[in-house]
N, C-alpha and C. Protein backbone atom coordinates (compact mmCIF):
# COMPACT_ATOMS: atom_id res chain seq x y z
N MET A 1 -11.48 -4.07 25.38
CA MET A 1 -10.92 -3.61 24.11
C MET A 1 -11.56 -4.39 22.96
N ILE A 2 -11.88 -3.69 21.91
CA ILE A 2 -12.49 -4.32 20.74
C ILE A 2 -11.45 -5.16 20.02
N ASP A 3 -11.85 -6.35 19.63
CA ASP A 3 -10.94 -7.31 19.00
C ASP A 3 -10.72 -6.95 17.53
N LYS A 4 -9.45 -6.89 17.12
CA LYS A 4 -9.07 -6.59 15.74
C LYS A 4 -9.64 -7.62 14.77
N LYS A 5 -9.66 -8.89 15.19
CA LYS A 5 -10.17 -9.96 14.33
C LYS A 5 -11.66 -9.76 14.05
N THR A 6 -12.41 -9.28 15.04
CA THR A 6 -13.84 -9.01 14.85
C THR A 6 -14.04 -7.94 13.78
N ILE A 7 -13.25 -6.88 13.87
CA ILE A 7 -13.32 -5.80 12.88
C ILE A 7 -12.96 -6.33 11.50
N GLN A 8 -11.92 -7.14 11.42
CA GLN A 8 -11.48 -7.70 10.14
C GLN A 8 -12.57 -8.56 9.52
N GLU A 9 -13.25 -9.37 10.32
CA GLU A 9 -14.32 -10.22 9.80
C GLU A 9 -15.47 -9.38 9.26
N ILE A 10 -15.82 -8.30 9.96
CA ILE A 10 -16.89 -7.40 9.49
C ILE A 10 -16.51 -6.79 8.15
N ILE A 11 -15.27 -6.31 8.06
CA ILE A 11 -14.81 -5.65 6.83
C ILE A 11 -14.78 -6.63 5.66
N GLU A 12 -14.21 -7.80 5.89
CA GLU A 12 -14.11 -8.79 4.82
C GLU A 12 -15.49 -9.18 4.30
N LYS A 13 -16.45 -9.30 5.19
CA LYS A 13 -17.82 -9.62 4.78
C LYS A 13 -18.40 -8.48 3.94
N GLU A 14 -18.13 -7.25 4.33
CA GLU A 14 -18.69 -6.09 3.63
C GLU A 14 -18.07 -5.84 2.26
N ILE A 15 -16.79 -6.19 2.09
CA ILE A 15 -16.11 -5.87 0.82
C ILE A 15 -15.92 -7.08 -0.08
N GLU A 16 -16.44 -8.25 0.33
CA GLU A 16 -16.16 -9.48 -0.43
C GLU A 16 -16.65 -9.45 -1.87
N ASN A 17 -17.70 -8.75 -2.19
CA ASN A 17 -18.21 -8.72 -3.57
C ASN A 17 -17.92 -7.39 -4.25
N SER A 18 -16.82 -6.78 -3.87
CA SER A 18 -16.44 -5.51 -4.48
C SER A 18 -14.97 -5.58 -4.90
N ASP A 19 -14.50 -4.49 -5.49
CA ASP A 19 -13.08 -4.44 -5.88
C ASP A 19 -12.21 -3.87 -4.77
N LEU A 20 -12.80 -3.59 -3.62
CA LEU A 20 -12.05 -3.07 -2.48
C LEU A 20 -11.23 -4.18 -1.81
N TYR A 21 -10.12 -3.79 -1.21
CA TYR A 21 -9.35 -4.73 -0.40
C TYR A 21 -8.86 -4.01 0.86
N LEU A 22 -8.66 -4.77 1.89
CA LEU A 22 -8.22 -4.25 3.17
C LEU A 22 -6.71 -4.06 3.16
N VAL A 23 -6.27 -2.88 3.55
CA VAL A 23 -4.84 -2.59 3.62
C VAL A 23 -4.35 -2.74 5.06
N GLU A 24 -5.07 -2.14 6.00
CA GLU A 24 -4.59 -2.15 7.37
C GLU A 24 -5.72 -1.87 8.36
N ILE A 25 -5.63 -2.49 9.52
CA ILE A 25 -6.52 -2.21 10.65
C ILE A 25 -5.64 -1.96 11.87
N LYS A 26 -5.94 -0.89 12.57
CA LYS A 26 -5.27 -0.61 13.84
C LYS A 26 -6.33 -0.41 14.90
N VAL A 27 -6.15 -1.05 16.04
CA VAL A 27 -7.04 -0.86 17.18
C VAL A 27 -6.16 -0.53 18.37
N SER A 28 -6.31 0.69 18.91
CA SER A 28 -5.49 1.09 20.05
C SER A 28 -6.13 0.63 21.36
N SER A 29 -5.40 0.79 22.44
CA SER A 29 -5.89 0.35 23.74
C SER A 29 -7.10 1.15 24.21
N ASP A 30 -7.29 2.37 23.67
CA ASP A 30 -8.47 3.17 24.04
C ASP A 30 -9.61 3.03 23.02
N ASN A 31 -9.57 1.93 22.23
CA ASN A 31 -10.61 1.60 21.24
C ASN A 31 -10.72 2.62 20.11
N THR A 32 -9.61 3.19 19.71
CA THR A 32 -9.58 4.00 18.50
C THR A 32 -9.26 3.05 17.36
N ILE A 33 -10.24 2.91 16.45
CA ILE A 33 -10.13 1.96 15.35
C ILE A 33 -9.83 2.75 14.07
N SER A 34 -8.76 2.36 13.39
CA SER A 34 -8.37 2.98 12.14
C SER A 34 -8.33 1.91 11.06
N VAL A 35 -9.11 2.11 10.00
CA VAL A 35 -9.21 1.14 8.91
C VAL A 35 -8.76 1.82 7.63
N MET A 36 -7.89 1.14 6.87
CA MET A 36 -7.45 1.66 5.59
C MET A 36 -7.80 0.64 4.51
N ILE A 37 -8.49 1.12 3.46
CA ILE A 37 -8.89 0.27 2.34
C ILE A 37 -8.34 0.87 1.05
N ASP A 38 -8.41 0.08 -0.01
CA ASP A 38 -7.97 0.55 -1.32
C ASP A 38 -8.64 -0.29 -2.39
N SER A 39 -8.45 0.09 -3.63
CA SER A 39 -8.89 -0.70 -4.79
C SER A 39 -8.01 -0.32 -5.96
N LEU A 40 -8.02 -1.13 -7.00
CA LEU A 40 -7.20 -0.84 -8.17
C LEU A 40 -7.62 0.46 -8.85
N ALA A 41 -8.89 0.83 -8.70
CA ALA A 41 -9.41 2.03 -9.35
C ALA A 41 -9.46 3.24 -8.42
N GLY A 42 -8.97 3.09 -7.17
CA GLY A 42 -9.08 4.17 -6.20
C GLY A 42 -10.37 4.00 -5.40
N VAL A 43 -10.50 4.78 -4.34
CA VAL A 43 -11.64 4.63 -3.44
C VAL A 43 -12.38 5.96 -3.32
N PRO A 44 -13.62 6.02 -3.82
CA PRO A 44 -14.41 7.23 -3.60
C PRO A 44 -14.78 7.35 -2.12
N ILE A 45 -14.93 8.57 -1.65
CA ILE A 45 -15.22 8.80 -0.23
C ILE A 45 -16.52 8.12 0.20
N ILE A 46 -17.46 7.98 -0.70
CA ILE A 46 -18.73 7.34 -0.34
C ILE A 46 -18.51 5.88 0.10
N LYS A 47 -17.52 5.23 -0.48
CA LYS A 47 -17.21 3.84 -0.09
C LYS A 47 -16.68 3.79 1.35
N CYS A 48 -15.87 4.78 1.71
CA CYS A 48 -15.36 4.87 3.09
C CYS A 48 -16.52 5.10 4.06
N ILE A 49 -17.44 5.97 3.68
CA ILE A 49 -18.60 6.26 4.52
C ILE A 49 -19.46 5.01 4.69
N GLU A 50 -19.73 4.32 3.59
CA GLU A 50 -20.57 3.11 3.64
C GLU A 50 -19.93 2.04 4.53
N LEU A 51 -18.63 1.84 4.41
CA LEU A 51 -17.94 0.84 5.22
C LEU A 51 -17.94 1.25 6.69
N SER A 52 -17.74 2.52 6.95
CA SER A 52 -17.78 3.02 8.32
C SER A 52 -19.14 2.75 8.96
N ARG A 53 -20.19 3.03 8.23
CA ARG A 53 -21.56 2.79 8.75
C ARG A 53 -21.80 1.29 8.98
N ALA A 54 -21.28 0.46 8.08
CA ALA A 54 -21.47 -0.99 8.22
C ALA A 54 -20.76 -1.50 9.47
N ILE A 55 -19.56 -1.00 9.71
CA ILE A 55 -18.81 -1.42 10.90
C ILE A 55 -19.53 -0.94 12.16
N GLU A 56 -19.91 0.33 12.18
CA GLU A 56 -20.61 0.89 13.34
C GLU A 56 -21.91 0.15 13.62
N GLY A 57 -22.60 -0.26 12.57
CA GLY A 57 -23.87 -0.95 12.73
C GLY A 57 -23.73 -2.33 13.36
N GLN A 58 -22.53 -2.90 13.31
CA GLN A 58 -22.33 -4.24 13.86
C GLN A 58 -21.58 -4.23 15.20
N LEU A 59 -21.25 -3.05 15.69
CA LEU A 59 -20.62 -2.92 17.00
C LEU A 59 -21.58 -2.19 17.93
N ASP A 60 -21.55 -2.52 19.20
CA ASP A 60 -22.47 -1.94 20.17
C ASP A 60 -21.73 -0.96 21.08
N ARG A 61 -22.04 0.32 20.94
CA ARG A 61 -21.40 1.35 21.76
C ARG A 61 -21.82 1.24 23.23
N GLU A 62 -22.94 0.60 23.48
CA GLU A 62 -23.41 0.42 24.86
C GLU A 62 -22.50 -0.57 25.60
N VAL A 63 -21.98 -1.55 24.87
CA VAL A 63 -21.09 -2.54 25.47
C VAL A 63 -19.68 -1.97 25.60
N GLU A 64 -19.20 -1.36 24.53
CA GLU A 64 -17.85 -0.80 24.53
C GLU A 64 -17.80 0.40 23.57
N ASP A 65 -17.43 1.56 24.11
CA ASP A 65 -17.36 2.77 23.29
C ASP A 65 -16.10 2.71 22.41
N PHE A 66 -16.15 3.35 21.25
CA PHE A 66 -15.03 3.34 20.32
C PHE A 66 -15.05 4.56 19.44
N GLU A 67 -13.92 4.84 18.83
CA GLU A 67 -13.78 5.88 17.82
C GLU A 67 -13.36 5.18 16.54
N LEU A 68 -13.97 5.52 15.41
CA LEU A 68 -13.72 4.81 14.16
C LEU A 68 -13.40 5.78 13.04
N SER A 69 -12.35 5.46 12.28
CA SER A 69 -12.06 6.20 11.06
C SER A 69 -11.76 5.19 9.95
N VAL A 70 -12.37 5.43 8.79
CA VAL A 70 -12.15 4.59 7.62
C VAL A 70 -11.62 5.51 6.52
N SER A 71 -10.48 5.14 5.94
CA SER A 71 -9.87 5.98 4.91
C SER A 71 -9.29 5.10 3.81
N SER A 72 -8.92 5.76 2.72
CA SER A 72 -8.26 5.03 1.63
C SER A 72 -6.76 5.25 1.74
N ALA A 73 -6.00 4.33 1.18
CA ALA A 73 -4.54 4.43 1.20
C ALA A 73 -4.14 5.68 0.42
N GLY A 74 -3.28 6.47 1.01
CA GLY A 74 -2.90 7.74 0.40
C GLY A 74 -1.63 7.65 -0.42
N ILE A 75 -1.43 8.68 -1.19
CA ILE A 75 -0.24 8.80 -2.02
C ILE A 75 0.97 9.02 -1.12
N GLY A 76 2.04 8.33 -1.43
CA GLY A 76 3.27 8.50 -0.67
C GLY A 76 3.36 7.65 0.58
N GLN A 77 2.31 6.89 0.88
CA GLN A 77 2.37 5.98 2.02
C GLN A 77 3.00 4.67 1.58
N THR A 78 3.63 3.99 2.52
CA THR A 78 4.26 2.73 2.18
C THR A 78 3.21 1.67 1.88
N PHE A 79 3.57 0.77 0.97
CA PHE A 79 2.67 -0.31 0.60
C PHE A 79 2.60 -1.31 1.75
N GLN A 80 1.39 -1.78 2.06
CA GLN A 80 1.17 -2.73 3.13
C GLN A 80 0.81 -4.13 2.63
N VAL A 81 0.17 -4.19 1.45
CA VAL A 81 -0.29 -5.46 0.90
C VAL A 81 0.11 -5.57 -0.57
N VAL A 82 0.18 -6.79 -1.08
CA VAL A 82 0.65 -7.03 -2.44
C VAL A 82 -0.25 -6.39 -3.50
N GLN A 83 -1.54 -6.23 -3.19
CA GLN A 83 -2.45 -5.59 -4.15
C GLN A 83 -2.01 -4.16 -4.48
N GLN A 84 -1.38 -3.49 -3.52
CA GLN A 84 -0.90 -2.13 -3.78
C GLN A 84 0.23 -2.13 -4.80
N TYR A 85 1.04 -3.18 -4.82
CA TYR A 85 2.07 -3.30 -5.85
C TYR A 85 1.41 -3.46 -7.22
N HIS A 86 0.40 -4.33 -7.30
CA HIS A 86 -0.30 -4.54 -8.57
C HIS A 86 -0.93 -3.24 -9.07
N LYS A 87 -1.49 -2.46 -8.15
CA LYS A 87 -2.13 -1.20 -8.50
C LYS A 87 -1.14 -0.22 -9.13
N ASN A 88 0.13 -0.33 -8.75
CA ASN A 88 1.13 0.64 -9.18
C ASN A 88 2.08 0.15 -10.26
N VAL A 89 1.76 -0.96 -10.93
CA VAL A 89 2.58 -1.42 -12.05
C VAL A 89 2.59 -0.34 -13.13
N GLY A 90 3.78 -0.04 -13.62
CA GLY A 90 3.93 0.99 -14.65
C GLY A 90 4.16 2.38 -14.09
N LYS A 91 4.13 2.51 -12.76
CA LYS A 91 4.31 3.82 -12.11
C LYS A 91 5.65 3.87 -11.38
N GLU A 92 6.08 5.08 -11.07
CA GLU A 92 7.33 5.29 -10.34
C GLU A 92 7.14 4.92 -8.87
N VAL A 93 8.09 4.15 -8.34
CA VAL A 93 8.07 3.77 -6.94
C VAL A 93 9.46 3.95 -6.34
N GLU A 94 9.48 4.06 -5.03
CA GLU A 94 10.74 4.10 -4.29
C GLU A 94 10.81 2.87 -3.41
N VAL A 95 11.88 2.10 -3.59
CA VAL A 95 12.07 0.86 -2.84
C VAL A 95 13.24 1.05 -1.87
N LEU A 96 12.98 0.80 -0.59
CA LEU A 96 14.03 0.82 0.42
C LEU A 96 14.28 -0.62 0.83
N THR A 97 15.51 -1.08 0.63
CA THR A 97 15.83 -2.48 0.95
C THR A 97 16.12 -2.64 2.43
N THR A 98 16.11 -3.88 2.88
CA THR A 98 16.43 -4.17 4.28
C THR A 98 17.88 -3.82 4.59
N GLU A 99 18.72 -3.69 3.57
CA GLU A 99 20.12 -3.30 3.76
C GLU A 99 20.30 -1.78 3.81
N GLY A 100 19.21 -1.04 3.58
CA GLY A 100 19.26 0.42 3.64
C GLY A 100 19.50 1.11 2.32
N ASN A 101 19.52 0.37 1.22
CA ASN A 101 19.70 0.97 -0.11
C ASN A 101 18.35 1.43 -0.65
N LYS A 102 18.35 2.59 -1.31
CA LYS A 102 17.12 3.16 -1.86
C LYS A 102 17.22 3.22 -3.38
N PHE A 103 16.17 2.73 -4.03
CA PHE A 103 16.12 2.73 -5.49
C PHE A 103 14.79 3.34 -5.94
N THR A 104 14.86 4.19 -6.96
CA THR A 104 13.66 4.79 -7.53
C THR A 104 13.58 4.38 -8.99
N GLY A 105 12.42 3.86 -9.39
CA GLY A 105 12.25 3.44 -10.77
C GLY A 105 10.82 3.04 -11.06
N LYS A 106 10.61 2.60 -12.29
CA LYS A 106 9.27 2.19 -12.71
C LYS A 106 9.04 0.74 -12.30
N LEU A 107 7.91 0.50 -11.65
CA LEU A 107 7.54 -0.85 -11.25
C LEU A 107 7.09 -1.62 -12.49
N LEU A 108 7.84 -2.66 -12.85
CA LEU A 108 7.56 -3.41 -14.07
C LEU A 108 6.71 -4.65 -13.83
N ILE A 109 7.13 -5.46 -12.86
CA ILE A 109 6.51 -6.76 -12.65
C ILE A 109 6.30 -7.00 -11.16
N VAL A 110 5.15 -7.56 -10.82
CA VAL A 110 4.88 -8.03 -9.46
C VAL A 110 4.66 -9.53 -9.57
N GLY A 111 5.55 -10.27 -8.95
CA GLY A 111 5.44 -11.72 -8.97
C GLY A 111 4.96 -12.25 -7.64
N GLU A 112 4.96 -13.56 -7.53
CA GLU A 112 4.51 -14.22 -6.30
C GLU A 112 5.45 -13.93 -5.14
N ASN A 113 6.76 -13.82 -5.44
CA ASN A 113 7.75 -13.66 -4.37
C ASN A 113 8.45 -12.31 -4.36
N GLY A 114 8.19 -11.45 -5.37
CA GLY A 114 8.90 -10.19 -5.41
C GLY A 114 8.50 -9.31 -6.57
N ILE A 115 9.32 -8.30 -6.80
CA ILE A 115 9.04 -7.30 -7.84
C ILE A 115 10.28 -7.05 -8.69
N GLU A 116 10.04 -6.40 -9.84
CA GLU A 116 11.12 -5.90 -10.68
C GLU A 116 10.83 -4.44 -10.98
N ILE A 117 11.90 -3.62 -10.87
CA ILE A 117 11.77 -2.21 -11.22
C ILE A 117 12.83 -1.85 -12.25
N GLU A 118 12.51 -0.85 -13.05
CA GLU A 118 13.44 -0.34 -14.05
C GLU A 118 14.01 0.97 -13.53
N VAL A 119 15.33 1.02 -13.37
CA VAL A 119 15.99 2.23 -12.87
C VAL A 119 16.90 2.81 -13.94
N GLU A 120 17.07 4.13 -13.87
CA GLU A 120 17.97 4.82 -14.78
C GLU A 120 19.12 5.40 -13.96
N GLU A 121 20.33 5.29 -14.50
CA GLU A 121 21.48 5.85 -13.82
C GLU A 121 22.46 6.43 -14.84
N LEU A 122 23.21 7.44 -14.41
CA LEU A 122 24.24 8.01 -15.26
C LEU A 122 25.53 7.22 -15.06
N VAL A 123 26.10 6.75 -16.17
CA VAL A 123 27.33 5.97 -16.09
C VAL A 123 28.39 6.59 -17.01
N LYS A 124 29.62 6.47 -16.59
CA LYS A 124 30.75 6.97 -17.38
C LYS A 124 31.03 5.97 -18.49
N VAL A 125 31.04 6.47 -19.71
CA VAL A 125 31.34 5.65 -20.88
C VAL A 125 32.78 5.92 -21.28
N GLU A 126 33.52 4.83 -21.46
CA GLU A 126 34.94 4.95 -21.81
C GLU A 126 35.11 5.72 -23.12
N GLY A 127 35.99 6.70 -23.10
CA GLY A 127 36.26 7.48 -24.30
C GLY A 127 35.35 8.68 -24.48
N LYS A 128 34.43 8.90 -23.59
CA LYS A 128 33.52 10.05 -23.68
C LYS A 128 33.61 10.86 -22.39
N LYS A 129 33.45 12.18 -22.55
CA LYS A 129 33.51 13.07 -21.38
C LYS A 129 32.18 13.07 -20.62
N LYS A 130 31.12 13.01 -21.34
CA LYS A 130 29.80 13.13 -20.74
C LYS A 130 29.27 11.75 -20.33
N LYS A 131 28.65 11.71 -19.15
CA LYS A 131 28.04 10.45 -18.70
C LYS A 131 26.78 10.18 -19.52
N GLN A 132 26.48 8.89 -19.71
CA GLN A 132 25.28 8.49 -20.46
C GLN A 132 24.26 7.88 -19.52
N LEU A 133 23.01 8.05 -19.90
CA LEU A 133 21.91 7.49 -19.13
C LEU A 133 21.77 6.01 -19.49
N ASN A 134 21.82 5.17 -18.48
CA ASN A 134 21.73 3.72 -18.68
C ASN A 134 20.49 3.21 -17.92
N THR A 135 19.75 2.34 -18.56
CA THR A 135 18.57 1.75 -17.93
C THR A 135 18.86 0.29 -17.61
N LYS A 136 18.49 -0.11 -16.38
CA LYS A 136 18.65 -1.52 -16.02
C LYS A 136 17.47 -1.96 -15.15
N THR A 137 17.26 -3.25 -15.11
CA THR A 137 16.17 -3.83 -14.33
C THR A 137 16.74 -4.48 -13.08
N LEU A 138 16.11 -4.16 -11.95
CA LEU A 138 16.52 -4.74 -10.67
C LEU A 138 15.37 -5.58 -10.12
N ALA A 139 15.71 -6.72 -9.57
CA ALA A 139 14.70 -7.62 -8.99
C ALA A 139 14.90 -7.67 -7.47
N PHE A 140 13.79 -7.65 -6.74
CA PHE A 140 13.82 -7.74 -5.28
C PHE A 140 12.80 -8.77 -4.82
N ASP A 141 13.21 -9.63 -3.91
CA ASP A 141 12.25 -10.50 -3.23
C ASP A 141 11.55 -9.66 -2.17
N PHE A 142 10.31 -10.02 -1.83
CA PHE A 142 9.58 -9.25 -0.83
C PHE A 142 10.32 -9.22 0.51
N ASP A 143 11.05 -10.29 0.85
CA ASP A 143 11.76 -10.30 2.12
C ASP A 143 13.01 -9.42 2.11
N GLN A 144 13.40 -8.90 0.94
CA GLN A 144 14.52 -7.96 0.83
C GLN A 144 14.05 -6.51 0.92
N ILE A 145 12.73 -6.29 0.91
CA ILE A 145 12.17 -4.95 0.86
C ILE A 145 11.71 -4.52 2.25
N LYS A 146 12.27 -3.40 2.70
CA LYS A 146 11.82 -2.82 3.97
C LYS A 146 10.56 -2.00 3.76
N SER A 147 10.53 -1.20 2.69
CA SER A 147 9.34 -0.42 2.36
C SER A 147 9.34 -0.04 0.89
N THR A 148 8.14 0.17 0.38
CA THR A 148 7.95 0.66 -0.99
C THR A 148 6.83 1.67 -0.96
N LYS A 149 7.00 2.76 -1.70
CA LYS A 149 5.92 3.75 -1.81
C LYS A 149 5.91 4.32 -3.21
N ASP A 150 4.76 4.83 -3.60
CA ASP A 150 4.64 5.42 -4.93
C ASP A 150 5.21 6.83 -4.92
N ILE A 151 5.72 7.24 -6.08
CA ILE A 151 6.32 8.56 -6.26
C ILE A 151 5.46 9.34 -7.25
N ILE A 152 5.13 10.55 -6.89
CA ILE A 152 4.33 11.40 -7.76
C ILE A 152 5.27 12.19 -8.66
N THR A 153 5.05 12.09 -9.97
CA THR A 153 5.83 12.87 -10.92
C THR A 153 4.89 13.80 -11.68
N PHE A 154 5.38 14.98 -11.97
CA PHE A 154 4.56 15.97 -12.68
C PHE A 154 5.14 16.24 -14.05
């Protein structure tokens, strides 16, 4: 089986002088290698092709056969690395906490230990029949977050 660490070293060497970052590597028991990359500006398909060729060029199919796919992080997928949070500052995200609570709001701040999002909710105002829209900021430590993904709004 091809070693995940070997693949990671190849990728890190190939992307070290670019704006790309590694999101995820999966290597199955049948040597199916799946690599996901991203950048703050998005990833053109040519970058995926170039990285795929670089990885293939440093692995020997004669020693061990493998299947390789290199892709960019897609819309609606959960965030795997902190750079994805930075990429989505100012955008709508959905945060699922480890307690099972779900919050949707604008990602305001990404800190060293967590994030802040701005959420809107309808609240009953005393003396009025109609509920009012209230905005508040919620803070989450990374260890309180089960998953976060970006939300597409039209």
